[in-house]
C-alpha atoms as a PDB file:
ATOM      1  CA  MET A   1     134.081  44.694 130.396  1.00  0.00           C
ATOM      2  CA  ILE A   2     130.883  44.576 128.455  1.00  0.00           C
ATOM      3  CA  TYR A   3     129.501  47.307 130.702  1.00  0.00           C
ATOM      4  CA  HIS A   4     132.507  49.552 129.904  1.00  0.00           C
ATOM      5  CA  TRP A   5     131.964  49.046 126.190  1.00  0.00           C
ATOM      6  CA  ARG A   6     128.300  49.987 126.573  1.00  0.00           C
ATOM      7  CA  VAL A   7     129.277  53.117 128.437  1.00  0.00           C
ATOM      8  CA  TYR A   8     131.861  53.846 125.732  1.00  0.00           C
ATOM      9  CA  PHE A   9     129.312  53.492 122.918  1.00  0.00           C
ATOM     10  CA  PHE A  10     126.783  55.539 124.895  1.00  0.00           C
ATOM     11  CA  VAL A  11     129.271  58.385 125.329  1.00  0.00           C
ATOM     12  CA  ILE A  12     130.240  58.237 121.625  1.00  0.00           C
ATOM     13  CA  ASN A  13     126.588  58.394 120.569  1.00  0.00           C
ATOM     14  CA  LEU A  14     125.966  61.244 122.947  1.00  0.00           C
ATOM     15  CA  LEU A  15     128.940  63.174 121.565  1.00  0.00           C
ATOM     16  CA  ARG A  16     127.737  62.570 117.995  1.00  0.00           C
ATOM     17  CA  GLN A  17     124.296  63.833 118.922  1.00  0.00           C
ATOM     18  CA  ASN A  18     125.787  66.922 120.585  1.00  0.00           C
ATOM     19  CA  THR A  19     127.983  67.526 117.536  1.00  0.00           C
ATOM     20  CA  THR A  20     124.950  67.203 115.272  1.00  0.00           C
ATOM     21  CA  LEU A  21     122.916  69.574 117.453  1.00  0.00           C
ATOM     22  CA  THR A  22     125.827  72.030 117.619  1.00  0.00           C
ATOM     23  CA  GLU A  23     126.208  71.980 113.852  1.00  0.00           C
ATOM     24  CA  ALA A  24     122.454  72.462 113.460  1.00  0.00           C
ATOM     25  CA  LYS A  25     122.559  75.389 115.867  1.00  0.00           C
ATOM     26  CA  ARG A  26     125.475  76.898 113.997  1.00  0.00           C
ATOM     27  CA  ASN A  27     123.618  76.564 110.731  1.00  0.00           C
ATOM     28  CA  LYS A  28     120.556  78.193 112.241  1.00  0.00           C
ATOM     29  CA  ARG A  29     122.696  81.007 113.630  1.00  0.00           C
ATOM     30  CA  LYS A  30     124.283  81.544 110.238  1.00  0.00           C
ATOM     31  CA  GLU A  31     120.858  81.639 108.582  1.00  0.00           C
ATOM     32  CA  LYS A  32     119.628  83.990 111.305  1.00  0.00           C
ATOM     33  CA  ARG A  33     122.603  86.251 110.898  1.00  0.00           C
ATOM     34  CA  SER A  34     122.198  86.397 107.147  1.00  0.00           C
ATOM     35  CA  LYS A  35     118.539  87.242 107.592  1.00  0.00           C
ATOM     36  CA  VAL A  36     119.307  89.904 110.156  1.00  0.00           C
ATOM     37  CA  LYS A  37     121.931  91.474 107.970  1.00  0.00           C
ATOM     38  CA  LEU A  38     119.515  91.483 105.035  1.00  0.00           C
ATOM     39  CA  SER A  39     116.643  92.773 107.141  1.00  0.00           C
ATOM     40  CA  LYS A  40     118.699  95.719 108.325  1.00  0.00           C
ATOM     41  CA  LEU A  41     119.015  96.739 104.715  1.00  0.00           C
ATOM     42  CA  THR A  42     115.640  95.850 103.372  1.00  0.00           C
ATOM     43  CA  LEU A  43     113.047  95.208 106.061  1.00  0.00           C
ATOM     44  CA  HIS A  44     110.858  97.169 108.441  1.00  0.00           C
ATOM     45  CA  LYS A  45     111.957 100.748 109.068  1.00  0.00           C
ATOM     46  CA  LEU A  46     114.810 101.090 106.542  1.00  0.00           C
ATOM     47  CA  ASP A  47     116.532 103.500 109.017  1.00  0.00           C
ATOM     48  CA  TRP A  48     119.271 104.458 106.556  1.00  0.00           C
ATOM     49  CA  LEU A  49     116.644 105.482 103.919  1.00  0.00           C
ATOM     50  CA  GLU A  50     114.695 107.431 106.566  1.00  0.00           C
ATOM     51  CA  TYR A  51     117.825 109.367 107.508  1.00  0.00           C
ATOM     52  CA  ILE A  52     118.473 110.178 103.838  1.00  0.00           C
ATOM     53  CA  THR A  53     114.839 111.298 103.426  1.00  0.00           C
ATOM     54  CA  ILE A  54     114.985 113.596 106.458  1.00  0.00           C
ATOM     55  CA  GLY A  55     118.330 115.084 105.384  1.00  0.00           C
ATOM     56  CA  LEU A  56     117.242 115.746 101.828  1.00  0.00           C
ATOM     57  CA  GLY A  57     113.846 117.014 103.065  1.00  0.00           C
ATOM     58  CA  ILE A  58     115.407 119.642 105.300  1.00  0.00           C
ATOM     59  CA  TRP A  59     117.813 120.632 102.551  1.00  0.00           C
ATOM     60  CA  PHE A  60     115.036 120.934  99.974  1.00  0.00           C
ATOM     61  CA  LEU A  61     112.775 122.869 102.333  1.00  0.00           C
ATOM     62  CA  LEU A  62     115.343 125.428 103.549  1.00  0.00           C
ATOM     63  CA  TYR A  63     117.657 125.704 100.510  1.00  0.00           C
ATOM     64  CA  PRO A  64     116.052 124.173  97.406  1.00  0.00           C
ATOM     65  CA  LYS A  65     119.095 124.077  95.168  1.00  0.00           C
ATOM     66  CA  PRO A  66     119.722 122.150  92.956  1.00  0.00           C
ATOM     67  CA  TYR A  67     115.924 122.145  92.769  1.00  0.00           C
ATOM     68  CA  ASP A  68     115.327 119.512  90.091  1.00  0.00           C
ATOM     69  CA  LEU A  69     117.776 117.057  91.606  1.00  0.00           C
ATOM     70  CA  LEU A  70     116.403 117.336  95.164  1.00  0.00           C
ATOM     71  CA  PHE A  71     112.806 117.093  93.956  1.00  0.00           C
ATOM     72  CA  THR A  72     113.593 114.026  91.876  1.00  0.00           C
ATOM     73  CA  ALA A  73     115.346 112.318  94.786  1.00  0.00           C
ATOM     74  CA  LEU A  74     112.414 112.906  97.182  1.00  0.00           C
ATOM     75  CA  LEU A  75     109.949 111.854  94.496  1.00  0.00           C
ATOM     76  CA  CYS A  76     111.738 108.490  93.980  1.00  0.00           C
ATOM     77  CA  ILE A  77     112.434 107.665  97.599  1.00  0.00           C
ATOM     78  CA  PRO A  78     108.890 106.407  98.606  1.00  0.00           C
ATOM     79  CA  ILE A  79     108.783 104.080  95.576  1.00  0.00           C
ATOM     80  CA  ILE A  80     112.301 102.776  96.301  1.00  0.00           C
ATOM     81  CA  GLY A  81     111.387 102.321  99.983  1.00  0.00           C
ATOM     82  CA  LEU A  82     108.256 100.293  99.236  1.00  0.00           C
ATOM     83  CA  ILE A  83     110.147  98.026  96.848  1.00  0.00           C
ATOM     84  CA  LEU A  84     113.107  97.530  99.234  1.00  0.00           C
ATOM     85  CA  ASN A  85     110.814  96.914 102.195  1.00  0.00           C
ATOM     86  CA  GLY A  86     108.927  94.228 100.281  1.00  0.00           C
ATOM     87  CA  ILE A  87     111.849  92.671  98.393  1.00  0.00           C
ATOM     88  CA  THR A  88     112.387  89.726 100.764  1.00  0.00           C
ATOM     89  CA  GLY A  89     109.000  88.118 100.489  1.00  0.00           C
ATOM     90  CA  ARG A  90     106.109  90.525 100.830  1.00  0.00           C
ATOM     91  CA  PRO A  91     106.020  91.494 104.521  1.00  0.00           C
ATOM     92  CA  SER A  92     102.764  92.772 106.038  1.00  0.00           C
ATOM     93  CA  ILE A  93     101.754  96.415 105.594  1.00  0.00           C
ATOM     94  CA  VAL A  94     102.291  96.663 109.370  1.00  0.00           C
ATOM     95  CA  SER A  95     106.023  96.706 108.665  1.00  0.00           C
ATOM     96  CA  LEU A  96     105.617 100.252 107.331  1.00  0.00           C
ATOM     97  CA  ILE A  97     104.156 101.514 110.632  1.00  0.00           C
ATOM     98  CA  GLU A  98     105.906 102.060 113.977  1.00  0.00           C
ATOM     99  CA  ILE A  99     103.370 101.829 116.794  1.00  0.00           C
ATOM    100  CA  SER A 100     104.221 103.477 120.120  1.00  0.00           C
ATOM    101  CA  LYS A 101     102.301 104.795 123.084  1.00  0.00           C
ATOM    102  CA  ASN A 102     101.129 108.357 123.720  1.00  0.00           C
ATOM    103  CA  ASP A 103     101.276 109.870 127.203  1.00  0.00           C
ATOM    104  CA  ASP A 104      97.650 108.982 127.772  1.00  0.00           C
ATOM    105  CA  GLY A 105      98.290 105.349 126.895  1.00  0.00           C
ATOM    106  CA  SER A 106      96.678 105.384 123.471  1.00  0.00           C
ATOM    107  CA  ASP A 107      98.447 103.974 120.425  1.00  0.00           C
ATOM    108  CA  LYS A 108     100.432 106.297 118.161  1.00  0.00           C
ATOM    109  CA  TYR A 109     100.781 105.193 114.519  1.00  0.00           C
ATOM    110  CA  ASP A 110     103.891 106.564 112.818  1.00  0.00           C
ATOM    111  CA  VAL A 111     104.272 105.871 109.087  1.00  0.00           C
ATOM    112  CA  ALA A 112     107.800 105.211 107.790  1.00  0.00           C
ATOM    113  CA  ASP A 113     109.583 108.533 107.277  1.00  0.00           C
ATOM    114  CA  PHE A 114     110.573 107.658 103.741  1.00  0.00           C
ATOM    115  CA  ILE A 115     106.874 107.980 102.877  1.00  0.00           C
ATOM    116  CA  ASP A 116     105.373 110.680 105.090  1.00  0.00           C
ATOM    117  CA  ILE A 117     108.396 113.043 105.289  1.00  0.00           C
ATOM    118  CA  ALA A 118     108.886 112.909 101.505  1.00  0.00           C
ATOM    119  CA  ALA A 119     105.187 113.531 100.934  1.00  0.00           C
ATOM    120  CA  LEU A 120     105.017 116.463 103.349  1.00  0.00           C
ATOM    121  CA  ILE A 121     108.160 118.219 102.096  1.00  0.00           C
ATOM    122  CA  ILE A 122     107.099 117.885  98.466  1.00  0.00           C
ATOM    123  CA  LEU A 123     103.668 119.249  99.302  1.00  0.00           C
ATOM    124  CA  ILE A 124     105.049 122.253 101.184  1.00  0.00           C
ATOM    125  CA  ARG A 125     107.592 123.038  98.512  1.00  0.00           C
ATOM    126  CA  VAL A 126     105.051 122.726  95.694  1.00  0.00           C
ATOM    127  CA  LEU A 127     102.566 124.995  97.445  1.00  0.00           C
ATOM    128  CA  LEU A 128     105.282 127.624  98.026  1.00  0.00           C
ATOM    129  CA  ASP A 129     106.740 127.534  94.522  1.00  0.00           C
ATOM    130  CA  TYR A 130     103.871 127.020  92.037  1.00  0.00           C
ATOM    131  CA  GLU A 131     100.499 128.500  91.254  1.00  0.00           C
ATOM    132  CA  PHE A 132      97.966 126.319  89.451  1.00  0.00           C
ATOM    133  CA  GLU A 133      94.928 127.545  87.456  1.00  0.00           C
ATOM    134  CA  SER A 134      92.384 124.988  88.592  1.00  0.00           C
ATOM    135  CA  PHE A 135      92.272 122.292  91.290  1.00  0.00           C
ATOM    136  CA  PHE A 136      90.012 120.169  89.071  1.00  0.00           C
ATOM    137  CA  SER A 137      92.763 119.751  86.475  1.00  0.00           C
ATOM    138  CA  MET A 138      94.761 117.882  89.121  1.00  0.00           C
ATOM    139  CA  ILE A 139      92.112 115.263  89.939  1.00  0.00           C
ATOM    140  CA  ILE A 140      92.592 112.726  87.111  1.00  0.00           C
ATOM    141  CA  PRO A 141      96.439 112.784  87.035  1.00  0.00           C
ATOM    142  CA  GLY A 142      96.526 112.617  90.838  1.00  0.00           C
ATOM    143  CA  ILE A 143      94.138 109.650  90.950  1.00  0.00           C
ATOM    144  CA  ILE A 144      96.173 107.789  88.314  1.00  0.00           C
ATOM    145  CA  ALA A 145      99.341 108.310  90.366  1.00  0.00           C
ATOM    146  CA  PHE A 146      97.546 107.191  93.522  1.00  0.00           C
ATOM    147  CA  VAL A 147      96.271 104.002  91.846  1.00  0.00           C
ATOM    148  CA  ILE A 148      99.831 103.211  90.601  1.00  0.00           C
ATOM    149  CA  MET A 149     101.210 103.705  94.136  1.00  0.00           C
ATOM    150  CA  MET A 150      98.541 101.418  95.599  1.00  0.00           C
ATOM    151  CA  ILE A 151      99.450  98.738  93.040  1.00  0.00           C
ATOM    152  CA  ILE A 152     103.101  99.002  94.113  1.00  0.00           C
ATOM    153  CA  LEU A 153     102.067  98.880  97.803  1.00  0.00           C
ATOM    154  CA  PHE A 154      99.875  95.767  97.551  1.00  0.00           C
ATOM    155  CA  SER A 155     102.165  93.928  95.142  1.00  0.00           C
ATOM    156  CA  THR A 156     105.106  94.277  97.553  1.00  0.00           C
ATOM    157  CA  HIS A 157     103.223  93.915 100.859  1.00  0.00           C
ATOM    158  CA  LYS A 158     100.609  91.559 102.247  1.00  0.00           C
ATOM    159  CA  LEU A 159      97.341  92.582 103.820  1.00  0.00           C
ATOM    160  CA  ILE A 160      97.201  92.624 107.622  1.00  0.00           C
ATOM    161  CA  ASP A 161      96.363  89.169 109.042  1.00  0.00           C
ATOM    162  CA  ASN A 162      96.578  89.114 112.808  1.00  0.00           C
ATOM    163  CA  THR A 163      97.334  92.105 114.982  1.00  0.00           C
ATOM    164  CA  THR A 164      96.193  93.424 118.340  1.00  0.00           C
ATOM    165  CA  LYS A 165      96.315  96.958 116.975  1.00  0.00           C
ATOM    166  CA  SER A 166      93.672  98.806 114.979  1.00  0.00           C
ATOM    167  CA  LYS A 167      93.752  97.631 111.354  1.00  0.00           C
ATOM    168  CA  SER A 168      91.667 100.631 110.375  1.00  0.00           C
ATOM    169  CA  TRP A 169      94.184 103.113 111.715  1.00  0.00           C
ATOM    170  CA  ILE A 170      97.091 101.267 110.089  1.00  0.00           C
ATOM    171  CA  TYR A 171      95.390 101.270 106.710  1.00  0.00           C
ATOM    172  CA  VAL A 172      94.218 104.895 107.009  1.00  0.00           C
ATOM    173  CA  SER A 173      97.701 106.075 108.044  1.00  0.00           C
ATOM    174  CA  ILE A 174      99.432 104.378 105.107  1.00  0.00           C
ATOM    175  CA  ILE A 175      96.827 105.135 102.466  1.00  0.00           C
ATOM    176  CA  PHE A 176      96.437 108.823 103.545  1.00  0.00           C
ATOM    177  CA  ASN A 177     100.181 109.463 103.260  1.00  0.00           C
ATOM    178  CA  ILE A 178     100.383 107.704  99.903  1.00  0.00           C
ATOM    179  CA  PHE A 179      97.395 109.763  98.728  1.00  0.00           C
ATOM    180  CA  LEU A 180      99.169 112.950  99.824  1.00  0.00           C
ATOM    181  CA  TYR A 181     102.383 111.906  98.158  1.00  0.00           C
ATOM    182  CA  SER A 182     100.593 110.961  94.932  1.00  0.00           C
ATOM    183  CA  PHE A 183      98.878 114.291  94.441  1.00  0.00           C
ATOM    184  CA  ALA A 184     101.805 116.470  95.666  1.00  0.00           C
ATOM    185  CA  GLY A 185     104.302 114.481  93.573  1.00  0.00           C
ATOM    186  CA  THR A 186     102.089 114.603  90.474  1.00  0.00           C
ATOM    187  CA  TYR A 187     101.647 118.348  90.662  1.00  0.00           C
ATOM    188  CA  GLY A 188     105.348 118.862  91.400  1.00  0.00           C
ATOM    189  CA  ALA A 189     106.424 116.684  88.476  1.00  0.00           C
ATOM    190  CA  ASN A 190     103.853 118.510  86.266  1.00  0.00           C
ATOM    191  CA  CYS A 191     105.709 121.776  86.909  1.00  0.00           C
ATOM    192  CA  VAL A 192     109.327 120.704  87.387  1.00  0.00           C
ATOM    193  CA  TYR A 193     109.529 118.613  84.191  1.00  0.00           C
ATOM    194  CA  ASP A 194     107.353 120.894  82.078  1.00  0.00           C
ATOM    195  CA  LYS A 195     109.126 121.902  78.847  1.00  0.00           C
ATOM    196  CA  SER A 196     106.202 123.623  77.142  1.00  0.00           C
ATOM    197  CA  GLU A 197     106.412 127.158  75.744  1.00  0.00           C
ATOM    198  CA  PRO A 198     104.659 129.679  78.046  1.00  0.00           C
ATOM    199  CA  LYS A 199     101.919 132.079  77.021  1.00  0.00           C
ATOM    200  CA  VAL A 200     102.857 135.485  78.307  1.00  0.00           C
ATOM    201  CA  TYR A 201     100.328 137.885  79.849  1.00  0.00           C
ATOM    202  CA  GLU A 202     100.756 141.327  81.373  1.00  0.00           C
ATOM    203  CA  ALA A 203      99.185 142.631  84.555  1.00  0.00           C
ATOM    204  CA  GLU A 204      99.599 145.660  86.829  1.00  0.00           C
ATOM    205  CA  VAL A 205     100.709 145.315  90.455  1.00  0.00           C
ATOM    206  CA  VAL A 206      98.142 146.968  92.722  1.00  0.00           C
ATOM    207  CA  ASP A 207      99.422 145.797  96.112  1.00  0.00           C
ATOM    208  CA  LYS A 208     102.010 143.701  97.882  1.00  0.00           C
ATOM    209  CA  ARG A 209     102.340 142.123 101.328  1.00  0.00           C
ATOM    210  CA  ILE A 210     104.394 139.769 103.516  1.00  0.00           C
ATOM    211  CA  SER A 211     102.721 136.950 105.401  1.00  0.00           C
ATOM    212  CA  ARG A 212     104.437 135.569 108.506  1.00  0.00           C
ATOM    213  CA  SER A 213     103.763 132.113 109.943  1.00  0.00           C
ATOM    214  CA  ARG A 214     103.817 131.317 113.659  1.00  0.00           C
ATOM    215  CA  LYS A 215     107.366 130.053 113.303  1.00  0.00           C
ATOM    216  CA  GLY A 216     108.420 133.279 111.636  1.00  0.00           C
ATOM    217  CA  ARG A 217     108.577 131.999 108.062  1.00  0.00           C
ATOM    218  CA  LYS A 218     107.849 134.728 105.493  1.00  0.00           C
ATOM    219  CA  THR A 219     105.802 134.310 102.333  1.00  0.00           C
ATOM    220  CA  TYR A 220     105.774 137.144  99.813  1.00  0.00           C
ATOM    221  CA  TYR A 221     102.695 138.098  97.766  1.00  0.00           C
ATOM    222  CA  ILE A 222     101.911 140.663  95.090  1.00  0.00           C
ATOM    223  CA  LYS A 223      98.368 141.464  93.993  1.00  0.00           C
ATOM    224  CA  VAL A 224      97.801 141.957  90.271  1.00  0.00           C
ATOM    225  CA  THR A 225      94.935 143.097  88.018  1.00  0.00           C
ATOM    226  CA  PRO A 226      92.898 140.555  85.996  1.00  0.00           C
ATOM    227  CA  TRP A 227      94.754 138.710  83.249  1.00  0.00           C
ATOM    228  CA  GLY A 228      94.009 135.813  80.832  1.00  0.00           C
ATOM    229  CA  HIS A 229      91.221 133.689  82.247  1.00  0.00           C
ATOM    230  CA  HIS A 230      91.598 135.290  85.653  1.00  0.00           C
ATOM    231  CA  TYR A 231      88.804 137.876  85.846  1.00  0.00           C
ATOM    232  CA  ASP A 232      89.457 139.107  89.403  1.00  0.00           C
ATOM    233  CA  LYS A 233      92.390 140.675  91.144  1.00  0.00           C
ATOM    234  CA  GLU A 234      94.519 137.995  92.758  1.00  0.00           C
ATOM    235  CA  GLU A 235      97.593 137.483  94.909  1.00  0.00           C
ATOM    236  CA  ILE A 236     100.534 135.540  93.523  1.00  0.00           C
ATOM    237  CA  SER A 237     103.412 134.347  95.687  1.00  0.00           C
ATOM    238  CA  VAL A 238     106.902 135.389  94.599  1.00  0.00           C
ATOM    239  CA  ALA A 239     110.473 134.967  95.785  1.00  0.00           C
ATOM    240  CA  SER A 240     111.837 137.513  98.259  1.00  0.00           C
ATOM    241  CA  SER A 241     114.180 138.894  95.609  1.00  0.00           C
ATOM    242  CA  GLN A 242     111.246 139.481  93.224  1.00  0.00           C
ATOM    243  CA  TYR A 243     109.209 141.059  95.995  1.00  0.00           C
ATOM    244  CA  ASP A 244     111.962 143.652  96.620  1.00  0.00           C
ATOM    245  CA  GLU A 245     112.278 144.415  92.916  1.00  0.00           C
ATOM    246  CA  ILE A 246     108.579 144.680  92.013  1.00  0.00           C
ATOM    247  CA  GLN A 247     106.850 147.951  92.879  1.00  0.00           C
ATOM    248  CA  ILE A 248     103.164 148.883  93.114  1.00  0.00           C
ATOM    249  CA  GLY A 249     101.972 150.281  89.792  1.00  0.00           C
ATOM    250  CA  GLN A 250     104.576 148.293  87.848  1.00  0.00           C
ATOM    251  CA  THR A 251     103.519 146.056  84.927  1.00  0.00           C
ATOM    252  CA  VAL A 252     104.699 142.453  85.263  1.00  0.00           C
ATOM    253  CA  LYS A 253     104.753 139.534  82.888  1.00  0.00           C
ATOM    254  CA  ILE A 254     102.956 136.343  83.892  1.00  0.00           C
ATOM    255  CA  ASP A 255     103.948 133.109  82.146  1.00  0.00           C
ATOM    256  CA  LEU A 256     101.213 130.469  81.762  1.00  0.00           C
ATOM    257  CA  LYS A 257     102.457 126.930  80.986  1.00  0.00           C
ATOM    258  CA  GLU A 258     100.545 123.804  79.907  1.00  0.00           C
ATOM    259  CA  GLY A 259     102.170 121.412  82.424  1.00  0.00           C
ATOM    260  CA  LEU A 260     103.626 117.942  81.852  1.00  0.00           C
ATOM    261  CA  PHE A 261     100.255 116.326  82.759  1.00  0.00           C
ATOM    262  CA  ASN A 262      98.127 119.107  81.277  1.00  0.00           C
ATOM    263  CA  ILE A 263      97.742 120.847  84.616  1.00  0.00           C
ATOM    264  CA  PRO A 264      98.159 124.544  83.734  1.00  0.00           C
ATOM    265  CA  TRP A 265     100.343 126.597  86.055  1.00  0.00           C
ATOM    266  CA  TYR A 266     101.842 130.055  86.044  1.00  0.00           C
ATOM    267  CA  TYR A 267     104.500 132.280  87.552  1.00  0.00           C
ATOM    268  CA  ILE A 268     105.746 135.858  87.387  1.00  0.00           C
ATOM    269  CA  GLU A 269     108.906 136.400  85.361  1.00  0.00           C
END
C-alpha cells in the first residue's frame, strides 16, 4: 500500500514537472513568436521596405513624375530603414549586409536595397536632371550629410564583434553606399528644394547631339557659347522635348540658381 502511494506521488510530481516544463515551453514559444513577428517588420533585411525602394526607384528612373514626391520618398527611405533596423536593440552592422557566394566560391557582400538602390537611383536621376557649376561647392554640404548619416548608423547599430567574414568588406560596403547616398541626396535636395530667384543669362546654340548608352538609353545635349562665369563653349543636357524645339543658331536662356545649400546649379528654360 505504501508502495502504491509512493508511485502515486511520484506520478503526480512527474506530471507537475511536465506541466511546468510545458508552460515554460509555451511561454518561450510565445516570446519567440512575438520576436519573430517583430523581426519581420524591423530586423535584418526589411524585405517590405526593399520592395518599396525598388518599386519607387524604377518609377522615379523611368517616369519621374511627381518628381518632388518620388525624390523625397527615396531620400527618406535609407534613414527610415536604418532606424527601423536598429529599433529593437542595436543589432550589428552585419544585419545590413546579405552575404552569399559567387560562382567561384568567393563571398559576395550585398548591402540592403533600401540603402544602395535608393542611393544609386538618386545619383542617376540627379546627374541626368541637373547641372552644377563647381564640384568643390558640393564638398562641405556632402561631408556634413555623410557625418550625420554615420551618426545615425552607429547610434542604431553596433560595431561588428565576431564574424567569419571580412569585417573590412562589410564596413567598406556599408560606408561607401552611405557616402554615395549622402552626396547624391545632398545635391538632389539642393536643387529640388531650391526656392531662390534665378539669374538669367543668354547664350547661342552652336551644336546639338544625342548620346546613346549600351542599353539604348538616349541623353540629349546642346552646345552653347560662353555665358556668365563659363568662359568656354559647353554642352548642357536637356529634355527630349527641349532638344526637338531648340535649333542651332537659336538664342536660349540659362537660369542660374543659388541652391538650397549654396551649391549653384543651372538649367535651360
